Structures are given as structure tokens and as C-alpha cells.
PDB file of N, CA and C in Angstrom:
ATOM      1  N   MET A   1     119.611 112.348  92.592  1.00  0.00           N
ATOM      2  CA  MET A   1     120.195 111.439  91.626  1.00  0.00           C
ATOM      3  C   MET A   1     119.825 111.792  90.196  1.00  0.00           C
ATOM      4  N   GLU A   2     118.788 112.622  90.028  1.00  0.00           N
ATOM      5  CA  GLU A   2     118.337 112.925  88.682  1.00  0.00           C
ATOM      6  C   GLU A   2     119.429 113.522  87.799  1.00  0.00           C
ATOM      7  N   GLU A   3     120.391 114.229  88.417  1.00  0.00           N
ATOM      8  CA  GLU A   3     121.446 114.808  87.604  1.00  0.00           C
ATOM      9  C   GLU A   3     122.486 113.773  87.163  1.00  0.00           C
ATOM     10  N   PHE A   4     122.432 112.573  87.731  1.00  0.00           N
ATOM     11  CA  PHE A   4     123.390 111.531  87.377  1.00  0.00           C
ATOM     12  C   PHE A   4     122.775 110.385  86.580  1.00  0.00           C
ATOM     13  N   VAL A   5     121.471 110.263  86.626  1.00  0.00           N
ATOM     14  CA  VAL A   5     120.789 109.162  85.940  1.00  0.00           C
ATOM     15  C   VAL A   5     119.629 109.723  85.133  1.00  0.00           C
ATOM     16  N   ILE A   6     119.585 109.379  83.861  1.00  0.00           N
ATOM     17  CA  ILE A   6     118.425 109.692  83.034  1.00  0.00           C
ATOM     18  C   ILE A   6     117.567 108.433  83.062  1.00  0.00           C
ATOM     19  N   ASN A   7     116.425 108.526  83.703  1.00  0.00           N
ATOM     20  CA  ASN A   7     115.586 107.351  83.930  1.00  0.00           C
ATOM     21  C   ASN A   7     115.247 106.640  82.621  1.00  0.00           C
ATOM     22  N   GLU A   8     115.504 105.358  82.605  1.00  0.00           N
ATOM     23  CA  GLU A   8     115.250 104.448  81.490  1.00  0.00           C
ATOM     24  C   GLU A   8     116.144 104.705  80.285  1.00  0.00           C
ATOM     25  N   LYS A   9     117.149 105.567  80.427  1.00  0.00           N
ATOM     26  CA  LYS A   9     118.129 105.802  79.362  1.00  0.00           C
ATOM     27  C   LYS A   9     119.524 105.391  79.821  1.00  0.00           C
ATOM     28  N   THR A  10     119.935 105.911  80.991  1.00  0.00           N
ATOM     29  CA  THR A  10     121.263 105.583  81.512  1.00  0.00           C
ATOM     30  C   THR A  10     121.169 104.693  82.743  1.00  0.00           C
ATOM     31  N   GLY A  11     119.967 104.433  83.182  1.00  0.00           N
ATOM     32  CA  GLY A  11     119.737 103.623  84.370  1.00  0.00           C
ATOM     33  C   GLY A  11     118.296 103.784  84.811  1.00  0.00           C
ATOM     34  N   TYR A  12     118.044 103.454  86.048  1.00  0.00           N
ATOM     35  CA  TYR A  12     116.685 103.544  86.577  1.00  0.00           C
ATOM     36  C   TYR A  12     116.684 104.313  87.887  1.00  0.00           C
ATOM     37  N   LEU A  13     115.734 105.218  87.989  1.00  0.00           N
ATOM     38  CA  LEU A  13     115.477 105.876  89.267  1.00  0.00           C
ATOM     39  C   LEU A  13     114.407 105.052  89.958  1.00  0.00           C
ATOM     40  N   VAL A  14     114.724 104.543  91.122  1.00  0.00           N
ATOM     41  CA  VAL A  14     113.789 103.690  91.842  1.00  0.00           C
ATOM     42  C   VAL A  14     113.599 104.208  93.260  1.00  0.00           C
ATOM     43  N   ASN A  15     112.485 103.828  93.847  1.00  0.00           N
ATOM     44  CA  ASN A  15     112.266 104.108  95.259  1.00  0.00           C
ATOM     45  C   ASN A  15     113.161 103.173  96.059  1.00  0.00           C
ATOM     46  N   PHE A  16     113.267 103.417  97.321  1.00  0.00           N
ATOM     47  CA  PHE A  16     114.113 102.555  98.146  1.00  0.00           C
ATOM     48  C   PHE A  16     113.361 101.288  98.540  1.00  0.00           C
ATOM     49  N   SER A  17     112.849 100.624  97.523  1.00  0.00           N
ATOM     50  CA  SER A  17     112.133  99.371  97.715  1.00  0.00           C
ATOM     51  C   SER A  17     113.035  98.242  97.220  1.00  0.00           C
ATOM     52  N   SER A  18     113.350  97.321  98.084  1.00  0.00           N
ATOM     53  CA  SER A  18     114.231  96.222  97.680  1.00  0.00           C
ATOM     54  C   SER A  18     113.608  95.421  96.544  1.00  0.00           C
ATOM     55  N   GLN A  19     112.297  95.304  96.528  1.00  0.00           N
ATOM     56  CA  GLN A  19     111.618  94.561  95.461  1.00  0.00           C
ATOM     57  C   GLN A  19     111.754  95.286  94.119  1.00  0.00           C
ATOM     58  N   GLU A  20     111.581  96.602  94.125  1.00  0.00           N
ATOM     59  CA  GLU A  20     111.706  97.376  92.883  1.00  0.00           C
ATOM     60  C   GLU A  20     113.137  97.328  92.355  1.00  0.00           C
ATOM     61  N   ILE A  21     114.099  97.459  93.242  1.00  0.00           N
ATOM     62  CA  ILE A  21     115.503  97.385  92.841  1.00  0.00           C
ATOM     63  C   ILE A  21     115.821  96.004  92.274  1.00  0.00           C
ATOM     64  N   ALA A  22     115.363  94.968  92.957  1.00  0.00           N
ATOM     65  CA  ALA A  22     115.601  93.592  92.484  1.00  0.00           C
ATOM     66  C   ALA A  22     114.974  93.376  91.115  1.00  0.00           C
ATOM     67  N   ASN A  23     113.775  93.893  90.909  1.00  0.00           N
ATOM     68  CA  ASN A  23     113.101  93.732  89.613  1.00  0.00           C
ATOM     69  C   ASN A  23     113.894  94.381  88.489  1.00  0.00           C
ATOM     70  N   LYS A  24     114.444  95.567  88.731  1.00  0.00           N
ATOM     71  CA  LYS A  24     115.237  96.249  87.704  1.00  0.00           C
ATOM     72  C   LYS A  24     116.541  95.488  87.432  1.00  0.00           C
ATOM     73  N   ILE A  25     117.164  94.981  88.471  1.00  0.00           N
ATOM     74  CA  ILE A  25     118.399  94.208  88.286  1.00  0.00           C
ATOM     75  C   ILE A  25     118.112  92.953  87.474  1.00  0.00           C
ATOM     76  N   ILE A  26     117.056  92.247  87.800  1.00  0.00           N
ATOM     77  CA  ILE A  26     116.692  91.029  87.066  1.00  0.00           C
ATOM     78  C   ILE A  26     116.391  91.359  85.612  1.00  0.00           C
ATOM     79  N   MET A  27     115.652  92.450  85.389  1.00  0.00           N
ATOM     80  CA  MET A  27     115.326  92.845  84.021  1.00  0.00           C
ATOM     81  C   MET A  27     116.596  93.101  83.216  1.00  0.00           C
ATOM     82  N   LEU A  28     117.556  93.799  83.807  1.00  0.00           N
ATOM     83  CA  LEU A  28     118.812  94.076  83.109  1.00  0.00           C
ATOM     84  C   LEU A  28     119.638  92.807  82.895  1.00  0.00           C
ATOM     85  N   MET A  29     119.618  91.908  83.870  1.00  0.00           N
ATOM     86  CA  MET A  29     120.353  90.650  83.731  1.00  0.00           C
ATOM     87  C   MET A  29     119.799  89.810  82.584  1.00  0.00           C
ATOM     88  N   GLN A  30     118.516  89.926  82.341  1.00  0.00           N
ATOM     89  CA  GLN A  30     117.861  89.090  81.331  1.00  0.00           C
ATOM     90  C   GLN A  30     117.807  89.746  79.948  1.00  0.00           C
ATOM     91  N   ASN A  31     118.241  90.992  79.825  1.00  0.00           N
ATOM     92  CA  ASN A  31     118.092  91.694  78.558  1.00  0.00           C
ATOM     93  C   ASN A  31     119.425  92.308  78.120  1.00  0.00           C
ATOM     94  N   ASN A  32     120.196  91.529  77.364  1.00  0.00           N
ATOM     95  CA  ASN A  32     121.513  91.986  76.904  1.00  0.00           C
ATOM     96  C   ASN A  32     121.420  93.251  76.064  1.00  0.00           C
ATOM     97  N   LYS A  33     120.440  93.318  75.179  1.00  0.00           N
ATOM     98  CA  LYS A  33     120.309  94.472  74.291  1.00  0.00           C
ATOM     99  C   LYS A  33     120.052  95.742  75.097  1.00  0.00           C
ATOM    100  N   LEU A  34     119.166  95.677  76.062  1.00  0.00           N
ATOM    101  CA  LEU A  34     118.863  96.829  76.904  1.00  0.00           C
ATOM    102  C   LEU A  34     120.101  97.273  77.672  1.00  0.00           C
ATOM    103  N   ARG A  35     120.822  96.320  78.249  1.00  0.00           N
ATOM    104  CA  ARG A  35     122.059  96.643  78.982  1.00  0.00           C
ATOM    105  C   ARG A  35     123.058  97.349  78.080  1.00  0.00           C
ATOM    106  N   ASP A  36     123.253  96.805  76.873  1.00  0.00           N
ATOM    107  CA  ASP A  36     124.206  97.403  75.941  1.00  0.00           C
ATOM    108  C   ASP A  36     123.786  98.811  75.538  1.00  0.00           C
ATOM    109  N   GLU A  37     122.495  98.987  75.243  1.00  0.00           N
ATOM    110  CA  GLU A  37     122.000 100.308  74.838  1.00  0.00           C
ATOM    111  C   GLU A  37     122.160 101.322  75.966  1.00  0.00           C
ATOM    112  N   MET A  38     121.803 100.920  77.182  1.00  0.00           N
ATOM    113  CA  MET A  38     121.940 101.827  78.324  1.00  0.00           C
ATOM    114  C   MET A  38     123.412 102.160  78.568  1.00  0.00           C
ATOM    115  N   GLY A  39     124.260 101.179  78.459  1.00  0.00           N
ATOM    116  CA  GLY A  39     125.688 101.410  78.654  1.00  0.00           C
ATOM    117  C   GLY A  39     126.258 102.370  77.639  1.00  0.00           C
ATOM    118  N   LYS A  40     125.907 102.183  76.371  1.00  0.00           N
ATOM    119  CA  LYS A  40     126.410 103.073  75.317  1.00  0.00           C
ATOM    120  C   LYS A  40     125.867 104.482  75.479  1.00  0.00           C
ATOM    121  N   PHE A  41     124.574 104.586  75.755  1.00  0.00           N
ATOM    122  CA  PHE A  41     123.970 105.902  75.943  1.00  0.00           C
ATOM    123  C   PHE A  41     124.570 106.589  77.168  1.00  0.00           C
ATOM    124  N   GLY A  42     124.750 105.828  78.243  1.00  0.00           N
ATOM    125  CA  GLY A  42     125.323 106.386  79.465  1.00  0.00           C
ATOM    126  C   GLY A  42     126.731 106.900  79.258  1.00  0.00           C
ATOM    127  N   ARG A  43     127.530 106.148  78.537  1.00  0.00           N
ATOM    128  CA  ARG A  43     128.904 106.585  78.273  1.00  0.00           C
ATOM    129  C   ARG A  43     128.918 107.861  77.435  1.00  0.00           C
ATOM    130  N   LYS A  44     128.103 107.876  76.371  1.00  0.00           N
ATOM    131  CA  LYS A  44     128.040 109.049  75.502  1.00  0.00           C
ATOM    132  C   LYS A  44     127.570 110.279  76.286  1.00  0.00           C
ATOM    133  N   TRP A  45     126.538 110.111  77.094  1.00  0.00           N
ATOM    134  CA  TRP A  45     125.996 111.211  77.890  1.00  0.00           C
ATOM    135  C   TRP A  45     127.027 111.706  78.901  1.00  0.00           C
ATOM    136  N   THR A  46     127.688 110.779  79.563  1.00  0.00           N
ATOM    137  CA  THR A  46     128.691 111.142  80.567  1.00  0.00           C
ATOM    138  C   THR A  46     129.861 111.882  79.937  1.00  0.00           C
ATOM    139  N   GLU A  47     130.350 111.387  78.809  1.00  0.00           N
ATOM    140  CA  GLU A  47     131.481 112.042  78.159  1.00  0.00           C
ATOM    141  C   GLU A  47     131.117 113.448  77.689  1.00  0.00           C
ATOM    142  N   GLY A  48     129.851 113.667  77.329  1.00  0.00           N
ATOM    143  CA  GLY A  48     129.420 114.983  76.892  1.00  0.00           C
ATOM    144  C   GLY A  48     129.145 115.938  78.036  1.00  0.00           C
ATOM    145  N   LYS A  49     128.723 115.411  79.161  1.00  0.00           N
ATOM    146  CA  LYS A  49     128.302 116.262  80.281  1.00  0.00           C
ATOM    147  C   LYS A  49     129.388 116.448  81.338  1.00  0.00           C
ATOM    148  N   TRP A  50     130.166 115.445  81.594  1.00  0.00           N
ATOM    149  CA  TRP A  50     131.089 115.469  82.729  1.00  0.00           C
ATOM    150  C   TRP A  50     132.548 115.421  82.270  1.00  0.00           C
ATOM    151  N   THR A  51     132.954 116.387  81.477  1.00  0.00           N
ATOM    152  CA  THR A  51     134.359 116.445  81.066  1.00  0.00           C
ATOM    153  C   THR A  51     135.173 117.152  82.140  1.00  0.00           C
ATOM    154  N   TRP A  52     136.496 116.990  82.107  1.00  0.00           N
ATOM    155  CA  TRP A  52     137.352 117.681  83.069  1.00  0.00           C
ATOM    156  C   TRP A  52     137.217 119.187  82.904  1.00  0.00           C
ATOM    157  N   GLY A  53     137.137 119.638  81.657  1.00  0.00           N
ATOM    158  CA  GLY A  53     137.016 121.076  81.416  1.00  0.00           C
ATOM    159  C   GLY A  53     135.762 121.655  82.050  1.00  0.00           C
ATOM    160  N   LYS A  54     134.639 120.975  81.908  1.00  0.00           N
ATOM    161  CA  LYS A  54     133.397 121.448  82.507  1.00  0.00           C
ATOM    162  C   LYS A  54     133.456 121.376  84.023  1.00  0.00           C
ATOM    163  N   SER A  55     134.050 120.315  84.541  1.00  0.00           N
ATOM    164  CA  SER A  55     134.156 120.169  85.996  1.00  0.00           C
ATOM    165  C   SER A  55     135.027 121.271  86.598  1.00  0.00           C
ATOM    166  N   ILE A  56     136.113 121.604  85.910  1.00  0.00           N
ATOM    167  CA  ILE A  56     136.995 122.673  86.388  1.00  0.00           C
ATOM    168  C   ILE A  56     136.252 124.003  86.345  1.00  0.00           C
ATOM    169  N   GLY A  57     135.462 124.217  85.291  1.00  0.00           N
ATOM    170  CA  GLY A  57     134.683 125.449  85.193  1.00  0.00           C
ATOM    171  C   GLY A  57     133.700 125.598  86.336  1.00  0.00           C
ATOM    172  N   VAL A  58     133.027 124.524  86.697  1.00  0.00           N
ATOM    173  CA  VAL A  58     132.078 124.550  87.812  1.00  0.00           C
ATOM    174  C   VAL A  58     132.811 124.819  89.123  1.00  0.00           C
ATOM    175  N   LEU A  59     133.920 124.134  89.340  1.00  0.00           N
ATOM    176  CA  LEU A  59     134.705 124.346  90.557  1.00  0.00           C
ATOM    177  C   LEU A  59     135.215 125.783  90.640  1.00  0.00           C
ATOM    178  N   GLU A  60     135.692 126.305  89.536  1.00  0.00           N
ATOM    179  CA  GLU A  60     136.192 127.679  89.503  1.00  0.00           C
ATOM    180  C   GLU A  60     135.077 128.667  89.872  1.00  0.00           C
ATOM    181  N   GLU A  61     133.890 128.447  89.333  1.00  0.00           N
ATOM    182  CA  GLU A  61     132.753 129.319  89.644  1.00  0.00           C
ATOM    183  C   GLU A  61     132.391 129.265  91.129  1.00  0.00           C
ATOM    184  N   ILE A  62     132.418 128.082  91.694  1.00  0.00           N
ATOM    185  CA  ILE A  62     132.133 127.929  93.129  1.00  0.00           C
ATOM    186  C   ILE A  62     133.171 128.668  93.961  1.00  0.00           C
ATOM    187  N   LEU A  63     134.431 128.501  93.633  1.00  0.00           N
ATOM    188  CA  LEU A  63     135.503 129.151  94.393  1.00  0.00           C
ATOM    189  C   LEU A  63     135.431 130.674  94.279  1.00  0.00           C
ATOM    190  N   ILE A  64     135.135 131.175  93.096  1.00  0.00           N
ATOM    191  CA  ILE A  64     135.009 132.626  92.900  1.00  0.00           C
ATOM    192  C   ILE A  64     133.865 133.164  93.750  1.00  0.00           C
ATOM    193  N   ASN A  65     132.738 132.461  93.758  1.00  0.00           N
ATOM    194  CA  ASN A  65     131.604 132.882  94.563  1.00  0.00           C
ATOM    195  C   ASN A  65     131.921 132.860  96.057  1.00  0.00           C
ATOM    196  N   LEU A  66     132.695 131.874  96.480  1.00  0.00           N
ATOM    197  CA  LEU A  66     133.099 131.812  97.895  1.00  0.00           C
ATOM    198  C   LEU A  66     133.976 132.994  98.277  1.00  0.00           C
ATOM    199  N   VAL A  67     134.901 133.334  97.411  1.00  0.00           N
ATOM    200  CA  VAL A  67     135.817 134.439  97.691  1.00  0.00           C
ATOM    201  C   VAL A  67     135.067 135.766  97.735  1.00  0.00           C
ATOM    202  N   ARG A  68     134.089 135.928  96.878  1.00  0.00           N
ATOM    203  CA  ARG A  68     133.318 137.183  96.816  1.00  0.00           C
ATOM    204  C   ARG A  68     132.439 137.366  98.051  1.00  0.00           C
ATOM    205  N   HIS A  69     132.045 136.296  98.677  1.00  0.00           N
ATOM    206  CA  HIS A  69     131.148 136.392  99.831  1.00  0.00           C
ATOM    207  C   HIS A  69     131.954 136.207 101.059  1.00  0.00           C
TER     208      HIS A  69
END
């Protein structure tokens, strides 16, 4: 998940503990400013990292490597 979430910037990386997950959800529910900041940062990061052009480039590289092997 590390490639999809920047811990404490775009979301939270948590263990599979229901208590830890619940605590993070409650914290976000109670903090509008934090939610807004994470949302804005997440959108900006996603738009910069996961564009269609970049995704096509990655797919093209994978397909070329498959054909070569």
C-alpha cells in the first residue's frame, strides 16, 4: 500500500487492527482541517503521479518486456 498512500499525508498506513483503524477514522471525523488538507494533498499527489500518460508508459514497458521474454 505504500505506493498508494503517503502515511499521514494522503492517508494512514495502519496494521490490521480494528481498534487502530477505528481510531484513525474517529480522528478524521473530528478534524475537518486535517481531512481537507489530506484530501487536497492526496488529489495533488495523485494527479502528479497517476496520469493516463504515465500509466500508459508503464503498461507499454510491461508489454514490451513480456514480448522480449
